[in-house]
Amino acid sequence: MATDTGRSAAYGGSAISGTSSLQAGAEVERTLDRLEARMEALELSMRTHRTSPRFELWRHDLHETRETWFRLVDPDGQDPTPEGS
């Protein structure tokens, strides 16, 4: 019978904390996926509806979403994309 206790013990935790860590990692991945999909949708809206009164709102929302994505990916890093992009 294979268990996760060997891997968890190697990280100084129990099988339960190892499972919690995996669940937390999976939740972060799902959040990143949702943020990526939101960024793509906002970029598409901006490209296809440049004259929309919502354009500035979309740009601001895209900036905020991108910042959140980068904070989750690399909490100590920064967004390498120029502000106006």
PDB file of N, CA and C in Angstrom:
ATOM      1  N   MET A   1       0.836  -1.173   0.000  1.00  0.00           N
ATOM      2  CA  MET A   1       0.000   0.000   0.000  1.00  0.00           C
ATOM      3  C   MET A   1       0.886   1.244   0.000  1.00  0.00           C
ATOM      4  N   ALA A   2       0.689   2.125  -0.975  1.00  0.00           N
ATOM      5  CA  ALA A   2       1.474   3.350  -1.068  1.00  0.00           C
ATOM      6  C   ALA A   2       0.758   4.479  -0.339  1.00  0.00           C
ATOM      7  N   THR A   3       1.529   5.235   0.418  1.00  0.00           N
ATOM      8  CA  THR A   3       0.957   6.378   1.125  1.00  0.00           C
ATOM      9  C   THR A   3       1.789   7.606   0.835  1.00  0.00           C
ATOM     10  N   ASP A   4       1.267   8.729   1.240  1.00  0.00           N
ATOM     11  CA  ASP A   4       1.944  10.004   1.031  1.00  0.00           C
ATOM     12  C   ASP A   4       2.809  10.372   2.234  1.00  0.00           C
ATOM     13  N   THR A   5       2.881   9.505   3.233  1.00  0.00           N
ATOM     14  CA  THR A   5       3.599   9.841   4.459  1.00  0.00           C
ATOM     15  C   THR A   5       5.089  10.008   4.215  1.00  0.00           C
ATOM     16  N   GLY A   6       5.673   9.271   3.299  1.00  0.00           N
ATOM     17  CA  GLY A   6       7.096   9.406   3.012  1.00  0.00           C
ATOM     18  C   GLY A   6       7.421  10.788   2.485  1.00  0.00           C
ATOM     19  N   ARG A   7       6.626  11.276   1.546  1.00  0.00           N
ATOM     20  CA  ARG A   7       6.853  12.601   0.988  1.00  0.00           C
ATOM     21  C   ARG A   7       6.579  13.666   2.049  1.00  0.00           C
ATOM     22  N   SER A   8       5.533  13.491   2.810  1.00  0.00           N
ATOM     23  CA  SER A   8       5.203  14.475   3.843  1.00  0.00           C
ATOM     24  C   SER A   8       6.271  14.516   4.915  1.00  0.00           C
ATOM     25  N   ALA A   9       6.771  13.354   5.296  1.00  0.00           N
ATOM     26  CA  ALA A   9       7.808  13.306   6.322  1.00  0.00           C
ATOM     27  C   ALA A   9       9.071  14.010   5.832  1.00  0.00           C
ATOM     28  N   ALA A  10       9.346  13.889   4.543  1.00  0.00           N
ATOM     29  CA  ALA A  10      10.531  14.540   3.988  1.00  0.00           C
ATOM     30  C   ALA A  10      10.428  16.056   4.098  1.00  0.00           C
ATOM     31  N   TYR A  11       9.195  16.581   4.093  1.00  0.00           N
ATOM     32  CA  TYR A  11       8.991  18.012   4.230  1.00  0.00           C
ATOM     33  C   TYR A  11       8.729  18.417   5.672  1.00  0.00           C
ATOM     34  N   GLY A  12       8.886  17.480   6.585  1.00  0.00           N
ATOM     35  CA  GLY A  12       8.736  17.789   8.000  1.00  0.00           C
ATOM     36  C   GLY A  12       7.298  17.849   8.458  1.00  0.00           C
ATOM     37  N   GLY A  13       6.378  17.296   7.705  1.00  0.00           N
ATOM     38  CA  GLY A  13       4.968  17.355   8.087  1.00  0.00           C
ATOM     39  C   GLY A  13       4.351  15.983   8.133  1.00  0.00           C
ATOM     40  N   SER A  14       3.089  15.954   8.420  1.00  0.00           N
ATOM     41  CA  SER A  14       2.359  14.693   8.445  1.00  0.00           C
ATOM     42  C   SER A  14       1.654  14.501   7.119  1.00  0.00           C
ATOM     43  N   ALA A  15       1.015  13.345   6.966  1.00  0.00           N
ATOM     44  CA  ALA A  15       0.260  13.086   5.745  1.00  0.00           C
ATOM     45  C   ALA A  15      -0.881  14.083   5.608  1.00  0.00           C
ATOM     46  N   ILE A  16      -1.452  14.508   6.717  1.00  0.00           N
ATOM     47  CA  ILE A  16      -2.555  15.454   6.673  1.00  0.00           C
ATOM     48  C   ILE A  16      -2.071  16.814   6.182  1.00  0.00           C
ATOM     49  N   SER A  17      -0.955  17.297   6.716  1.00  0.00           N
ATOM     50  CA  SER A  17      -0.459  18.599   6.266  1.00  0.00           C
ATOM     51  C   SER A  17       0.004  18.523   4.813  1.00  0.00           C
ATOM     52  N   GLY A  18       0.508  17.368   4.388  1.00  0.00           N
ATOM     53  CA  GLY A  18       0.890  17.191   2.989  1.00  0.00           C
ATOM     54  C   GLY A  18      -0.320  17.286   2.083  1.00  0.00           C
ATOM     55  N   THR A  19      -1.430  16.700   2.514  1.00  0.00           N
ATOM     56  CA  THR A  19      -2.663  16.769   1.746  1.00  0.00           C
ATOM     57  C   THR A  19      -3.187  18.195   1.707  1.00  0.00           C
ATOM     58  N   SER A  20      -3.119  18.886   2.839  1.00  0.00           N
ATOM     59  CA  SER A  20      -3.563  20.280   2.884  1.00  0.00           C
ATOM     60  C   SER A  20      -2.718  21.147   1.960  1.00  0.00           C
ATOM     61  N   SER A  21      -1.429  20.877   1.937  1.00  0.00           N
ATOM     62  CA  SER A  21      -0.532  21.623   1.066  1.00  0.00           C
ATOM     63  C   SER A  21      -0.882  21.376  -0.403  1.00  0.00           C
ATOM     64  N   LEU A  22      -1.177  20.133  -0.751  1.00  0.00           N
ATOM     65  CA  LEU A  22      -1.570  19.812  -2.125  1.00  0.00           C
ATOM     66  C   LEU A  22      -2.875  20.499  -2.491  1.00  0.00           C
ATOM     67  N   GLN A  23      -3.819  20.511  -1.553  1.00  0.00           N
ATOM     68  CA  GLN A  23      -5.099  21.163  -1.810  1.00  0.00           C
ATOM     69  C   GLN A  23      -4.920  22.661  -1.982  1.00  0.00           C
ATOM     70  N   ALA A  24      -4.079  23.255  -1.152  1.00  0.00           N
ATOM     71  CA  ALA A  24      -3.816  24.693  -1.262  1.00  0.00           C
ATOM     72  C   ALA A  24      -3.149  25.001  -2.603  1.00  0.00           C
ATOM     73  N   GLY A  25      -2.205  24.153  -3.006  1.00  0.00           N
ATOM     74  CA  GLY A  25      -1.539  24.337  -4.296  1.00  0.00           C
ATOM     75  C   GLY A  25      -2.515  24.219  -5.451  1.00  0.00           C
ATOM     76  N   ALA A  26      -3.432  23.267  -5.351  1.00  0.00           N
ATOM     77  CA  ALA A  26      -4.438  23.084  -6.402  1.00  0.00           C
ATOM     78  C   ALA A  26      -5.368  24.296  -6.470  1.00  0.00           C
ATOM     79  N   GLU A  27      -5.709  24.852  -5.317  1.00  0.00           N
ATOM     80  CA  GLU A  27      -6.570  26.040  -5.293  1.00  0.00           C
ATOM     81  C   GLU A  27      -5.867  27.239  -5.926  1.00  0.00           C
ATOM     82  N   VAL A  28      -4.586  27.388  -5.651  1.00  0.00           N
ATOM     83  CA  VAL A  28      -3.822  28.481  -6.267  1.00  0.00           C
ATOM     84  C   VAL A  28      -3.789  28.296  -7.786  1.00  0.00           C
ATOM     85  N   GLU A  29      -3.590  27.066  -8.235  1.00  0.00           N
ATOM     86  CA  GLU A  29      -3.573  26.796  -9.685  1.00  0.00           C
ATOM     87  C   GLU A  29      -4.910  27.139 -10.323  1.00  0.00           C
ATOM     88  N   ARG A  30      -6.004  26.773  -9.667  1.00  0.00           N
ATOM     89  CA  ARG A  30      -7.337  27.104 -10.202  1.00  0.00           C
ATOM     90  C   ARG A  30      -7.530  28.623 -10.243  1.00  0.00           C
ATOM     91  N   THR A  31      -7.082  29.309  -9.214  1.00  0.00           N
ATOM     92  CA  THR A  31      -7.195  30.768  -9.187  1.00  0.00           C
ATOM     93  C   THR A  31      -6.389  31.388 -10.315  1.00  0.00           C
ATOM     94  N   LEU A  32      -5.167  30.902 -10.523  1.00  0.00           N
ATOM     95  CA  LEU A  32      -4.336  31.410 -11.620  1.00  0.00           C
ATOM     96  C   LEU A  32      -5.012  31.173 -12.967  1.00  0.00           C
ATOM     97  N   ASP A  33      -5.600  29.992 -13.143  1.00  0.00           N
ATOM     98  CA  ASP A  33      -6.303  29.691 -14.390  1.00  0.00           C
ATOM     99  C   ASP A  33      -7.461  30.658 -14.615  1.00  0.00           C
ATOM    100  N   ARG A  34      -8.232  30.930 -13.553  1.00  0.00           N
ATOM    101  CA  ARG A  34      -9.357  31.866 -13.678  1.00  0.00           C
ATOM    102  C   ARG A  34      -8.866  33.272 -14.009  1.00  0.00           C
ATOM    103  N   LEU A  35      -7.779  33.691 -13.371  1.00  0.00           N
ATOM    104  CA  LEU A  35      -7.230  35.021 -13.648  1.00  0.00           C
ATOM    105  C   LEU A  35      -6.719  35.116 -15.083  1.00  0.00           C
ATOM    106  N   GLU A  36      -6.074  34.060 -15.562  1.00  0.00           N
ATOM    107  CA  GLU A  36      -5.595  34.055 -16.952  1.00  0.00           C
ATOM    108  C   GLU A  36      -6.764  34.173 -17.928  1.00  0.00           C
ATOM    109  N   ALA A  37      -7.843  33.426 -17.663  1.00  0.00           N
ATOM    110  CA  ALA A  37      -9.017  33.482 -18.534  1.00  0.00           C
ATOM    111  C   ALA A  37      -9.624  34.885 -18.505  1.00  0.00           C
ATOM    112  N   ARG A  38      -9.657  35.502 -17.323  1.00  0.00           N
ATOM    113  CA  ARG A  38     -10.192  36.862 -17.208  1.00  0.00           C
ATOM    114  C   ARG A  38      -9.325  37.844 -17.991  1.00  0.00           C
ATOM    115  N   MET A  39      -8.002  37.712 -17.891  1.00  0.00           N
ATOM    116  CA  MET A  39      -7.115  38.603 -18.632  1.00  0.00           C
ATOM    117  C   MET A  39      -7.330  38.455 -20.138  1.00  0.00           C
ATOM    118  N   GLU A  40      -7.462  37.215 -20.602  1.00  0.00           N
ATOM    119  CA  GLU A  40      -7.689  36.987 -22.030  1.00  0.00           C
ATOM    120  C   GLU A  40      -8.998  37.615 -22.482  1.00  0.00           C
ATOM    121  N   ALA A  41     -10.044  37.473 -21.677  1.00  0.00           N
ATOM    122  CA  ALA A  41     -11.342  38.045 -22.035  1.00  0.00           C
ATOM    123  C   ALA A  41     -11.276  39.574 -22.065  1.00  0.00           C
ATOM    124  N   LEU A  42     -10.610  40.152 -21.094  1.00  0.00           N
ATOM    125  CA  LEU A  42     -10.473  41.611 -21.071  1.00  0.00           C
ATOM    126  C   LEU A  42      -9.654  42.109 -22.255  1.00  0.00           C
ATOM    127  N   GLU A  43      -8.576  41.403 -22.582  1.00  0.00           N
ATOM    128  CA  GLU A  43      -7.753  41.796 -23.734  1.00  0.00           C
ATOM    129  C   GLU A  43      -8.556  41.724 -25.021  1.00  0.00           C
ATOM    130  N   LEU A  44      -9.373  40.682 -25.166  1.00  0.00           N
ATOM    131  CA  LEU A  44     -10.215  40.547 -26.357  1.00  0.00           C
ATOM    132  C   LEU A  44     -11.224  41.687 -26.424  1.00  0.00           C
ATOM    133  N   SER A  45     -11.857  41.988 -25.304  1.00  0.00           N
ATOM    134  CA  SER A  45     -12.821  43.097 -25.273  1.00  0.00           C
ATOM    135  C   SER A  45     -12.159  44.397 -25.676  1.00  0.00           C
ATOM    136  N   MET A  46     -10.961  44.630 -25.160  1.00  0.00           N
ATOM    137  CA  MET A  46     -10.259  45.862 -25.477  1.00  0.00           C
ATOM    138  C   MET A  46      -9.874  45.940 -26.953  1.00  0.00           C
ATOM    139  N   ARG A  47      -9.471  44.802 -27.526  1.00  0.00           N
ATOM    140  CA  ARG A  47      -9.077  44.796 -28.942  1.00  0.00           C
ATOM    141  C   ARG A  47     -10.279  44.984 -29.858  1.00  0.00           C
ATOM    142  N   THR A  48     -11.395  44.382 -29.508  1.00  0.00           N
ATOM    143  CA  THR A  48     -12.544  44.395 -30.417  1.00  0.00           C
ATOM    144  C   THR A  48     -13.484  45.571 -30.208  1.00  0.00           C
ATOM    145  N   HIS A  49     -13.389  46.242 -29.069  1.00  0.00           N
ATOM    146  CA  HIS A  49     -14.311  47.348 -28.762  1.00  0.00           C
ATOM    147  C   HIS A  49     -13.551  48.571 -28.276  1.00  0.00           C
ATOM    148  N   ARG A  50     -12.577  49.020 -29.059  1.00  0.00           N
ATOM    149  CA  ARG A  50     -11.724  50.148 -28.659  1.00  0.00           C
ATOM    150  C   ARG A  50     -12.509  51.434 -28.408  1.00  0.00           C
ATOM    151  N   THR A  51     -13.637  51.608 -29.062  1.00  0.00           N
ATOM    152  CA  THR A  51     -14.410  52.837 -28.900  1.00  0.00           C
ATOM    153  C   THR A  51     -15.473  52.721 -27.803  1.00  0.00           C
ATOM    154  N   SER A  52     -15.512  51.611 -27.126  1.00  0.00           N
ATOM    155  CA  SER A  52     -16.511  51.417 -26.070  1.00  0.00           C
ATOM    156  C   SER A  52     -16.261  52.360 -24.894  1.00  0.00           C
ATOM    157  N   PRO A  53     -17.336  52.864 -24.299  1.00  0.00           N
ATOM    158  CA  PRO A  53     -17.174  53.699 -23.103  1.00  0.00           C
ATOM    159  C   PRO A  53     -16.562  52.915 -21.935  1.00  0.00           C
ATOM    160  N   ARG A  54     -16.578  51.613 -22.016  1.00  0.00           N
ATOM    161  CA  ARG A  54     -16.029  50.756 -20.959  1.00  0.00           C
ATOM    162  C   ARG A  54     -14.532  50.481 -21.129  1.00  0.00           C
ATOM    163  N   PHE A  55     -13.932  50.980 -22.197  1.00  0.00           N
ATOM    164  CA  PHE A  55     -12.548  50.664 -22.502  1.00  0.00           C
ATOM    165  C   PHE A  55     -11.612  50.954 -21.323  1.00  0.00           C
ATOM    166  N   GLU A  56     -11.729  52.147 -20.728  1.00  0.00           N
ATOM    167  CA  GLU A  56     -10.855  52.507 -19.608  1.00  0.00           C
ATOM    168  C   GLU A  56     -11.097  51.613 -18.398  1.00  0.00           C
ATOM    169  N   LEU A  57     -12.339  51.239 -18.168  1.00  0.00           N
ATOM    170  CA  LEU A  57     -12.652  50.316 -17.078  1.00  0.00           C
ATOM    171  C   LEU A  57     -11.998  48.962 -17.321  1.00  0.00           C
ATOM    172  N   TRP A  58     -12.078  48.468 -18.559  1.00  0.00           N
ATOM    173  CA  TRP A  58     -11.452  47.191 -18.898  1.00  0.00           C
ATOM    174  C   TRP A  58      -9.946  47.263 -18.711  1.00  0.00           C
ATOM    175  N   ARG A  59      -9.351  48.388 -19.121  1.00  0.00           N
ATOM    176  CA  ARG A  59      -7.908  48.527 -18.987  1.00  0.00           C
ATOM    177  C   ARG A  59      -7.504  48.508 -17.506  1.00  0.00           C
ATOM    178  N   HIS A  60      -8.251  49.217 -16.693  1.00  0.00           N
ATOM    179  CA  HIS A  60      -7.973  49.231 -15.249  1.00  0.00           C
ATOM    180  C   HIS A  60      -8.163  47.833 -14.661  1.00  0.00           C
ATOM    181  N   ASP A  61      -9.239  47.155 -15.050  1.00  0.00           N
ATOM    182  CA  ASP A  61      -9.511  45.806 -14.554  1.00  0.00           C
ATOM    183  C   ASP A  61      -8.411  44.834 -14.986  1.00  0.00           C
ATOM    184  N   LEU A  62      -7.955  44.979 -16.226  1.00  0.00           N
ATOM    185  CA  LEU A  62      -6.875  44.135 -16.722  1.00  0.00           C
ATOM    186  C   LEU A  62      -5.603  44.367 -15.906  1.00  0.00           C
ATOM    187  N   HIS A  63      -5.292  45.613 -15.620  1.00  0.00           N
ATOM    188  CA  HIS A  63      -4.108  45.945 -14.826  1.00  0.00           C
ATOM    189  C   HIS A  63      -4.207  45.312 -13.431  1.00  0.00           C
ATOM    190  N   GLU A  64      -5.352  45.450 -12.783  1.00  0.00           N
ATOM    191  CA  GLU A  64      -5.548  44.884 -11.447  1.00  0.00           C
ATOM    192  C   GLU A  64      -5.468  43.358 -11.472  1.00  0.00           C
ATOM    193  N   THR A  65      -6.066  42.759 -12.479  1.00  0.00           N
ATOM    194  CA  THR A  65      -6.045  41.297 -12.601  1.00  0.00           C
ATOM    195  C   THR A  65      -4.629  40.806 -12.832  1.00  0.00           C
ATOM    196  N   ARG A  66      -3.899  41.497 -13.694  1.00  0.00           N
ATOM    197  CA  ARG A  66      -2.507  41.131 -13.976  1.00  0.00           C
ATOM    198  C   ARG A  66      -1.647  41.246 -12.715  1.00  0.00           C
ATOM    199  N   GLU A  67      -1.843  42.304 -11.940  1.00  0.00           N
ATOM    200  CA  GLU A  67      -1.095  42.465 -10.689  1.00  0.00           C
ATOM    201  C   GLU A  67      -1.383  41.317  -9.724  1.00  0.00           C
ATOM    202  N   THR A  68      -2.648  40.939  -9.612  1.00  0.00           N
ATOM    203  CA  THR A  68      -3.026  39.836  -8.729  1.00  0.00           C
ATOM    204  C   THR A  68      -2.371  38.543  -9.197  1.00  0.00           C
ATOM    205  N   TRP A  69      -2.382  38.291 -10.507  1.00  0.00           N
ATOM    206  CA  TRP A  69      -1.793  37.070 -11.056  1.00  0.00           C
ATOM    207  C   TRP A  69      -0.304  37.021 -10.717  1.00  0.00           C
ATOM    208  N   PHE A  70       0.395  38.128 -10.945  1.00  0.00           N
ATOM    209  CA  PHE A  70       1.828  38.149 -10.673  1.00  0.00           C
ATOM    210  C   PHE A  70       2.129  38.003  -9.188  1.00  0.00           C
ATOM    211  N   ARG A  71       1.301  38.596  -8.329  1.00  0.00           N
ATOM    212  CA  ARG A  71       1.510  38.438  -6.878  1.00  0.00           C
ATOM    213  C   ARG A  71       1.376  36.980  -6.463  1.00  0.00           C
ATOM    214  N   LEU A  72       0.442  36.253  -7.069  1.00  0.00           N
ATOM    215  CA  LEU A  72       0.271  34.841  -6.741  1.00  0.00           C
ATOM    216  C   LEU A  72       1.414  33.996  -7.293  1.00  0.00           C
ATOM    217  N   VAL A  73       1.868  34.309  -8.490  1.00  0.00           N
ATOM    218  CA  VAL A  73       2.939  33.531  -9.114  1.00  0.00           C
ATOM    219  C   VAL A  73       4.271  33.770  -8.417  1.00  0.00           C
ATOM    220  N   ASP A  74       4.576  35.029  -8.155  1.00  0.00           N
ATOM    221  CA  ASP A  74       5.859  35.379  -7.552  1.00  0.00           C
ATOM    222  C   ASP A  74       5.651  36.539  -6.580  1.00  0.00           C
ATOM    223  N   PRO A  75       5.359  36.222  -5.323  1.00  0.00           N
ATOM    224  CA  PRO A  75       5.045  37.273  -4.350  1.00  0.00           C
ATOM    225  C   PRO A  75       6.142  38.335  -4.196  1.00  0.00           C
ATOM    226  N   ASP A  76       7.385  37.999  -4.480  1.00  0.00           N
ATOM    227  CA  ASP A  76       8.475  38.964  -4.333  1.00  0.00           C
ATOM    228  C   ASP A  76       8.834  39.667  -5.639  1.00  0.00           C
ATOM    229  N   GLY A  77       8.224  39.240  -6.736  1.00  0.00           N
ATOM    230  CA  GLY A  77       8.551  39.821  -8.040  1.00  0.00           C
ATOM    231  C   GLY A  77       7.655  40.985  -8.377  1.00  0.00           C
ATOM    232  N   GLN A  78       7.719  41.388  -9.642  1.00  0.00           N
ATOM    233  CA  GLN A  78       6.871  42.471 -10.110  1.00  0.00           C
ATOM    234  C   GLN A  78       6.478  42.210 -11.538  1.00  0.00           C
ATOM    235  N   ASP A  79       5.425  42.856 -11.962  1.00  0.00           N
ATOM    236  CA  ASP A  79       4.893  42.723 -13.306  1.00  0.00           C
ATOM    237  C   ASP A  79       5.901  43.283 -14.303  1.00  0.00           C
ATOM    238  N   PRO A  80       6.427  42.430 -15.213  1.00  0.00           N
ATOM    239  CA  PRO A  80       7.405  42.916 -16.191  1.00  0.00           C
ATOM    240  C   PRO A  80       6.759  43.649 -17.360  1.00  0.00           C
ATOM    241  N   THR A  81       5.420  43.690 -17.414  1.00  0.00           N
ATOM    242  CA  THR A  81       4.724  44.336 -18.507  1.00  0.00           C
ATOM    243  C   THR A  81       4.646  45.842 -18.265  1.00  0.00           C
ATOM    244  N   PRO A  82       5.016  46.651 -19.240  1.00  0.00           N
ATOM    245  CA  PRO A  82       4.929  48.116 -19.056  1.00  0.00           C
ATOM    246  C   PRO A  82       3.498  48.546 -18.730  1.00  0.00           C
ATOM    247  N   GLU A  83       3.367  49.613 -17.998  1.00  0.00           N
ATOM    248  CA  GLU A  83       2.078  50.106 -17.516  1.00  0.00           C
ATOM    249  C   GLU A  83       1.050  50.313 -18.628  1.00  0.00           C
ATOM    250  N   GLY A  84       1.430  50.872 -19.730  1.00  0.00           N
ATOM    251  CA  GLY A  84       0.477  51.202 -20.787  1.00  0.00           C
ATOM    252  C   GLY A  84       0.052  50.051 -21.661  1.00  0.00           C
ATOM    253  N   SER A  85       0.569  48.868 -21.455  1.00  0.00           N
ATOM    254  CA  SER A  85       0.265  47.745 -22.348  1.00  0.00           C
ATOM    255  C   SER A  85      -1.114  47.185 -22.122  1.00  0.00           C
TER     256      SER A  85
END
